């Protein structure tokens, strides 16, 4: 079993920066890919970015818009999301997820392909 826990969410002003962290515990050797989703008020959960053991990064350009960067180390079971120039529309609960598989890029976008989820961390961007 794998447990993932994210941290770093807080209130930040428009234009500010924030770094979210996620750490996996348990059978971390089973993890191949880790990533981030977010769910804003009244919206569906959407894929943000991911990174795998080969350090391949997949990013949802519609959300990231060149402002978000993900990094991490699957051996250590850690993944980070660096967010810059934050906007009020980035307000959401950000979830960390882990998969035992090397996901295809298009598979990364779907929650059903991910095996483990964190509880989420709230990011609020004030205008």
Foldseek 3Di string as FASTA:
>chain_A
DKAKAKDWADEAAAQAKTKIKMAMDDPLVLFFKKAKWWAAVPGDIWGAKMAGQVRDIAGDCVPQVVFWDKDDHSVRRMIMIIGGRDDQVVWTWMKMFTASDDDDNVCSTDPVRTDYIYPTGTHGYHD
